[in-house]
Structure formats: C-alpha cells, structure tokens
Protein backbone atom coordinates (compact mmCIF):
# COMPACT_ATOMS: atom_id res chain seq x y z
CA UNK A 1 -0.05 32.44 -15.36
CA UNK A 2 -1.56 32.45 -11.86
CA UNK A 3 -4.79 34.46 -11.89
CA UNK A 4 -5.73 33.63 -8.27
CA UNK A 5 -3.84 33.13 -5.04
CA UNK A 6 -5.14 31.39 -1.95
CA UNK A 7 -4.61 32.96 1.47
CA UNK A 8 -6.11 31.30 4.57
CA UNK A 9 -8.55 29.48 2.33
CA UNK A 10 -9.71 32.68 0.61
CA UNK A 11 -9.18 33.05 -3.15
CA UNK A 12 -7.66 36.43 -4.06
CA UNK A 13 -7.05 37.70 -7.58
CA UNK A 14 -3.32 37.75 -8.26
CA UNK A 15 -3.56 41.30 -9.60
CA UNK A 16 -5.19 42.50 -6.38
CA UNK A 17 -2.68 40.58 -4.25
CA UNK A 18 0.33 42.01 -6.10
CA UNK A 19 -1.11 45.52 -5.94
CA UNK A 20 -1.51 45.09 -2.18
CA UNK A 21 2.06 43.80 -1.99
CA UNK A 22 3.32 46.86 -3.91
CA UNK A 23 1.56 49.19 -1.45
CA UNK A 24 2.76 47.15 1.52
CA UNK A 25 6.35 47.29 0.26
CA UNK A 26 6.15 51.07 -0.04
CA UNK A 27 4.69 51.41 3.47
CA UNK A 28 7.09 49.00 5.17
CA UNK A 29 10.35 49.37 3.25
CA UNK A 30 9.91 52.97 2.10
CA UNK A 31 10.21 54.98 5.36
CA UNK A 32 13.43 53.35 6.65
CA UNK A 33 14.91 53.45 3.16
CA UNK A 34 14.07 57.15 2.79
CA UNK A 35 15.39 57.94 6.27
CA UNK A 36 18.70 56.31 5.42
CA UNK A 37 19.00 57.84 1.94
CA UNK A 38 17.71 61.37 2.54
CA UNK A 39 17.23 61.78 6.30
CA UNK A 40 13.42 61.92 6.10
CA UNK A 41 11.87 61.03 9.49
CA UNK A 42 10.11 57.67 9.29
CA UNK A 43 6.80 58.91 10.67
CA UNK A 44 6.57 61.67 8.11
CA UNK A 45 7.56 59.32 5.30
CA UNK A 46 4.91 56.79 6.36
CA UNK A 47 2.20 59.44 6.42
CA UNK A 48 3.21 60.66 2.98
CA UNK A 49 3.16 57.13 1.60
CA UNK A 50 -0.33 56.51 2.97
CA UNK A 51 -1.77 59.66 1.40
CA UNK A 52 -0.04 59.10 -1.95
CA UNK A 53 -1.20 55.46 -2.04
CA UNK A 54 -4.81 56.60 -1.56
CA UNK A 55 -4.34 59.27 -4.24
CA UNK A 56 -2.98 56.67 -6.67
CA UNK A 57 -5.90 54.30 -6.07
CA UNK A 58 -8.47 57.10 -6.35
CA UNK A 59 -6.94 58.53 -9.52
CA UNK A 60 -6.45 55.12 -11.10
CA UNK A 61 -10.04 54.07 -10.40
CA UNK A 62 -11.55 57.34 -11.62
CA UNK A 63 -9.68 56.93 -14.90
CA UNK A 64 -10.89 53.33 -15.13
CA UNK A 65 -14.47 54.48 -14.53
CA UNK A 66 -14.10 57.10 -17.25
CA UNK A 67 -12.92 54.50 -19.78
CA UNK A 68 -15.18 51.59 -18.78
CA UNK A 69 -18.24 53.03 -16.96
CA UNK A 70 -20.35 49.88 -17.31
CA UNK A 71 -17.69 47.48 -16.06
CA UNK A 72 -16.39 49.70 -13.24
CA UNK A 73 -19.83 50.07 -11.65
CA UNK A 74 -19.63 46.69 -9.92
CA UNK A 75 -15.99 46.79 -8.86
CA UNK A 76 -14.17 47.98 -5.78
CA UNK A 77 -11.71 50.87 -6.26
CA UNK A 78 -8.63 48.62 -6.17
CA UNK A 79 -10.16 46.13 -8.65
CA UNK A 80 -10.14 48.52 -11.59
CA UNK A 81 -7.16 50.84 -11.99
CA UNK A 82 -5.44 52.59 -14.86
CA UNK A 83 -1.81 53.59 -14.53
CA UNK A 84 -2.35 56.99 -16.17
CA UNK A 85 -4.99 58.03 -13.62
CA UNK A 86 -2.91 56.69 -10.73
CA UNK A 87 0.07 58.73 -11.91
CA UNK A 88 -2.01 61.90 -12.21
CA UNK A 89 -3.45 61.30 -8.73
CA UNK A 90 0.03 61.03 -7.21
CA UNK A 91 1.36 64.10 -9.03
CA UNK A 92 -1.61 66.23 -7.99
CA UNK A 93 -1.40 65.12 -4.36
CA UNK A 94 2.40 65.27 -3.97
CA UNK A 95 2.83 69.04 -3.61
CA UNK A 96 0.10 69.62 -0.99
CA UNK A 97 1.15 66.50 0.92
CA UNK A 98 4.81 67.59 1.08
CA UNK A 99 3.70 71.00 2.38
CA UNK A 100 1.34 69.42 4.90
CA UNK A 101 4.10 67.24 6.35
CA UNK A 102 6.66 70.07 6.13
CA UNK A 103 9.30 68.26 4.14
CA UNK A 104 11.47 69.68 1.36
CA UNK A 105 9.62 68.79 -1.88
CA UNK A 106 12.76 68.03 -3.86
CA UNK A 107 14.36 65.93 -1.12
CA UNK A 108 11.17 63.95 -0.49
CA UNK A 109 10.61 63.39 -4.20
CA UNK A 110 14.18 62.11 -4.53
CA UNK A 111 13.67 59.78 -1.57
CA UNK A 112 10.48 58.36 -3.08
CA UNK A 113 12.09 57.42 -6.41
CA UNK A 114 13.84 54.12 -5.48
CA UNK A 115 10.90 52.57 -3.62
CA UNK A 116 8.47 53.79 -6.29
CA UNK A 117 10.39 51.88 -8.97
CA UNK A 118 10.17 48.64 -7.01
CA UNK A 119 6.45 49.18 -6.34
CA UNK A 120 5.84 49.72 -10.07
CA UNK A 121 7.68 46.47 -10.79
CA UNK A 122 5.60 44.48 -8.27
CA UNK A 123 2.31 45.93 -9.55
CA UNK A 124 3.21 45.15 -13.15
CA UNK A 125 4.07 41.57 -12.21
CA UNK A 126 0.49 41.39 -10.95
CA UNK A 127 -0.67 42.51 -14.40
CA UNK A 128 1.40 39.71 -15.90
CA UNK A 129 -0.09 37.08 -13.60
CA UNK A 130 -3.57 38.39 -14.38
CA UNK A 131 -2.92 38.50 -18.12
CA UNK A 132 -4.08 42.11 -18.53
CA UNK A 133 -2.11 44.94 -20.18
CA UNK A 134 -0.73 42.53 -22.77
CA UNK A 135 1.03 43.52 -25.97
CA UNK A 136 0.48 42.95 -29.66
CA UNK A 137 1.23 39.68 -31.38
CA UNK A 138 4.91 39.08 -32.08
CA UNK A 139 7.32 36.34 -33.10
CA UNK A 140 10.41 37.20 -31.06
CA UNK A 141 11.93 34.45 -28.85
CA UNK A 142 10.85 36.22 -25.64
CA UNK A 143 7.20 36.68 -26.69
CA UNK A 144 4.72 34.58 -24.72
CA UNK A 145 1.48 32.68 -25.23
CA UNK A 146 -1.19 33.04 -22.53
CA UNK A 147 -3.48 30.19 -21.39
CA UNK A 148 -7.21 29.72 -22.11
CA UNK A 149 -9.42 32.16 -20.22
CA UNK A 150 -6.75 34.85 -20.06
CA UNK A 151 -7.53 38.27 -21.56
CA UNK A 152 -5.34 37.70 -24.67
CA UNK A 153 -6.88 34.28 -25.34
CA UNK A 154 -10.44 35.53 -24.79
CA UNK A 155 -9.89 38.51 -27.07
CA UNK A 156 -8.41 36.37 -29.83
CA UNK A 157 -11.23 33.83 -29.50
CA UNK A 158 -13.77 36.69 -29.79
CA UNK A 159 -12.24 37.74 -33.09
CA UNK A 160 -11.73 34.16 -34.33
CA UNK A 161 -7.96 34.50 -34.35
CA UNK A 162 -7.65 31.22 -32.41
CA UNK A 163 -9.97 28.21 -32.81
CA UNK A 164 -11.87 28.40 -29.49
CA UNK A 165 -12.02 29.74 -25.94
CA UNK A 166 -10.14 26.60 -24.84
CA UNK A 167 -7.10 27.51 -26.95
CA UNK A 168 -3.94 29.25 -25.86
CA UNK A 169 -3.35 32.70 -27.27
CA UNK A 170 -0.86 33.43 -30.00
CA UNK A 171 2.49 34.79 -28.86
CA UNK A 172 2.28 38.42 -27.73
CA UNK A 173 4.67 40.97 -26.29
CA UNK A 174 4.92 40.49 -22.49
CA UNK A 175 4.32 44.21 -22.10
CA UNK A 176 3.75 43.84 -18.37
CA UNK A 177 7.32 42.55 -17.93
CA UNK A 178 8.71 45.41 -20.02
CA UNK A 179 7.04 47.87 -17.66
CA UNK A 180 8.29 45.89 -14.65
CA UNK A 181 11.87 46.16 -15.94
CA UNK A 182 11.45 49.92 -16.42
CA UNK A 183 10.50 50.13 -12.73
CA UNK A 184 13.69 48.32 -11.73
CA UNK A 185 15.67 50.65 -13.99
CA UNK A 186 14.22 53.65 -12.15
CA UNK A 187 15.28 52.15 -8.82
CA UNK A 188 18.80 51.32 -10.01
CA UNK A 189 19.41 54.78 -11.50
CA UNK A 190 17.93 56.53 -8.44
CA UNK A 191 20.10 54.59 -6.00
CA UNK A 192 23.19 55.37 -8.09
CA UNK A 193 22.34 59.06 -8.46
CA UNK A 194 21.26 59.95 -4.90
CA UNK A 195 24.80 60.13 -3.42
CA UNK A 196 25.99 61.98 -6.55
CA UNK A 197 23.16 64.50 -7.06
CA UNK A 198 23.99 68.20 -7.25
CA UNK A 199 20.64 69.64 -6.14
CA UNK A 200 17.39 68.54 -4.51
CA UNK A 201 14.88 67.14 -6.98
CA UNK A 202 17.44 65.96 -9.53
CA UNK A 203 16.81 62.26 -8.82
CA UNK A 204 13.04 62.68 -9.03
CA UNK A 205 13.25 64.50 -12.37
CA UNK A 206 15.59 61.90 -13.86
CA UNK A 207 13.31 59.12 -12.61
CA UNK A 208 10.30 60.88 -14.13
CA UNK A 209 12.12 61.16 -17.46
CA UNK A 210 12.88 57.43 -17.41
CA UNK A 211 9.29 56.51 -16.51
CA UNK A 212 7.74 58.81 -19.11
CA UNK A 213 10.16 57.84 -21.88
CA UNK A 214 9.73 54.11 -21.22
CA UNK A 215 5.96 54.47 -21.16
CA UNK A 216 5.89 56.55 -24.34
CA UNK A 217 8.05 53.97 -26.16
CA UNK A 218 6.29 50.88 -24.80
CA UNK A 219 2.65 51.91 -25.16
CA UNK A 220 2.61 51.42 -28.98
CA UNK A 221 3.28 47.72 -28.30
CA UNK A 222 0.01 47.40 -26.38
CA UNK A 223 -2.77 45.42 -28.06
CA UNK A 224 -4.97 48.23 -29.45
CA UNK A 225 -8.28 46.32 -29.44
CA UNK A 226 -10.13 46.03 -26.15
CA UNK A 227 -12.99 43.81 -25.02
CA UNK A 228 -14.52 46.75 -23.13
CA UNK A 229 -14.35 50.44 -23.98
CA UNK A 230 -11.17 51.97 -25.35
CA UNK A 231 -7.52 51.80 -24.34
CA UNK A 232 -6.27 54.19 -21.64
CA UNK A 233 -4.61 57.32 -22.97
CA UNK A 234 -1.33 56.53 -21.25
CA UNK A 235 0.98 57.33 -24.16
CA UNK A 236 -0.43 60.83 -24.60
CA UNK A 237 -0.06 61.55 -20.89
CA UNK A 238 3.46 60.10 -20.94
CA UNK A 239 4.40 62.36 -23.87
CA UNK A 240 3.31 65.51 -22.04
CA UNK A 241 4.93 64.29 -18.84
CA UNK A 242 8.19 63.58 -20.67
CA UNK A 243 8.24 67.09 -22.13
CA UNK A 244 7.58 68.67 -18.74
CA UNK A 245 10.17 66.49 -16.98
CA UNK A 246 12.88 67.19 -19.57
CA UNK A 247 12.12 70.94 -19.46
CA UNK A 248 12.23 70.90 -15.66
CA UNK A 249 15.52 69.00 -15.67
CA UNK A 250 17.09 71.45 -18.15
CA UNK A 251 15.90 74.50 -16.17
CA UNK A 252 17.17 73.05 -12.90
CA UNK A 253 20.54 72.18 -14.44
CA UNK A 254 20.92 75.69 -15.86
CA UNK A 255 19.82 77.28 -12.57
CA UNK A 256 22.22 75.12 -10.57
CA UNK A 257 25.15 76.01 -12.81
CA UNK A 258 24.35 79.73 -12.64
CA UNK A 259 24.23 79.63 -8.85
CA UNK A 260 27.47 77.64 -8.71
CA UNK A 261 29.14 80.14 -11.06
CA UNK A 262 28.04 83.11 -8.93
CA UNK A 263 29.25 81.45 -5.73
CA UNK A 264 32.60 80.72 -7.37
CA UNK A 265 32.87 84.29 -8.69
CA UNK A 266 32.19 85.73 -5.22
CA UNK A 267 34.75 83.41 -3.64
CA UNK A 268 37.42 84.49 -6.15
CA UNK A 269 36.64 88.20 -5.77
CA UNK A 270 36.82 88.03 -1.98
C-alpha cells in the first residue's frame, strides 16, 4: 500500500493523487473519445466534464460533511468525499448542464459512460492505495492484509482484534478493487453497446444498472464499524437508483418497440 506519492519533492496523498488522475483522464481522454463515439464536439464535451467534475466533488464533500462533521471541518473539498454524494451531485447537475450546452441528453449520457467507468476505476484504486473503503474480514485466497497505520489496521488495533498499532491487519475483502473492476465492466459493456444501441440513452441506462447493481451487492461486504461517524448510506441510494434505472430501461425499451411497430405498420400500409 502506497499512502503517499512524491511529486517534485512534495508529498501528496495517494488518494488525492488518484482522484486528480481520474478527473484529468476524464478531461483529457473524454472529449476526443466522446467525439469519436457519439459525434459530440470536443469543446462542449470538455465544458460538460468540468461542470460535472465540480458537481461530483461538491456533492461528495457535502455528504462527507454530513456523515463526519467534526473531521470534515479541517479538510479541503477533495480530501473528504463520499461516492454516494458525488453520484447525486452528478445526477442533479447532468440535466441542466446538457441543456446549457445544447446537447442531446441521451446521446451525451451514452458518450459519458465509457470514460466514467475508467474514472471510477482510477479513483477506487486510490482508495485501495489509501486503505480506506475496505471490506469485512474474510479468508478467501484473494483477501488482503493491510500494513500498520492503514485504516483497517488502526481500526482492528482500536478494538483489540490485533495485538498493537504496529501489526498488520487481518485479511479483509479488497472492496476497493471490487469497485474498480465494476468500473471497468461499465466501460467494456458501454463500448460494446454504443455501436449496437437502438435509441439514445440506452447505453447510459444499462451502465447505470450495472453501477447500481454492483454497488448494492458489494456494499454489504464493507466493514460496518467506523472510526468516525457512521458508514455512508451508499447501498440505500444504490437500491433506489437501481429501481429507477431498471424502470427507465423497461419504459424506453417498450416505447422504442411501439414506435418501431408503428413505423413498420405505416410502411406496410403505404
């Protein structure tokens, strides 16, 4: 685990560095990718990415402040983020931003899906390096032990599960890596589906279903006890989001088929 990185002699927390890398990837790789996949002009795509990145940071930090008011008081916005708040921030900002930049909401949402999956993966790798967002104790071959001073080791030392603060933690689920893999799955499915989609917004809805379902299934593996405050309510939000995404996907599928049937009926009658 690498909790700090050195850049030009300045020590930077690995979590902060990976979060910055995730945003940088979206800003640099996103616009040309989206122009090639969906024909979104690069300037518009860049502006949308900037606004949505700010919305994610604002929403994530507000949620962090709500959960840990004492700890968040002395931290910069990007130093304390919760995924649930970041997701809500993006979803609330997306509609107005798409209208502001005059892009088709469904097409832009589809274009955002592949790069968003990669950004989620990079950010979650930062969580892994930092040791936060870890899972419950487990004995599977892929479960990992974290070094002294890491959040799992500190928590277990607090509750006398391990001998001292100089001990490695017991093996826990590498929950951060599970979430990172779900991000790559979103990207892979989105890239496969974009040239095959039947209507605008289909890729975004499928990606949202994957994200919400993965989150809902993975959150129970999170270590329930926290050093500060209480755990973020990510599973509850993911459950509601999954229901909405599935309902939206079903409605869009039914609507698309009805339109296609009417067009076919008119073509036959003419």
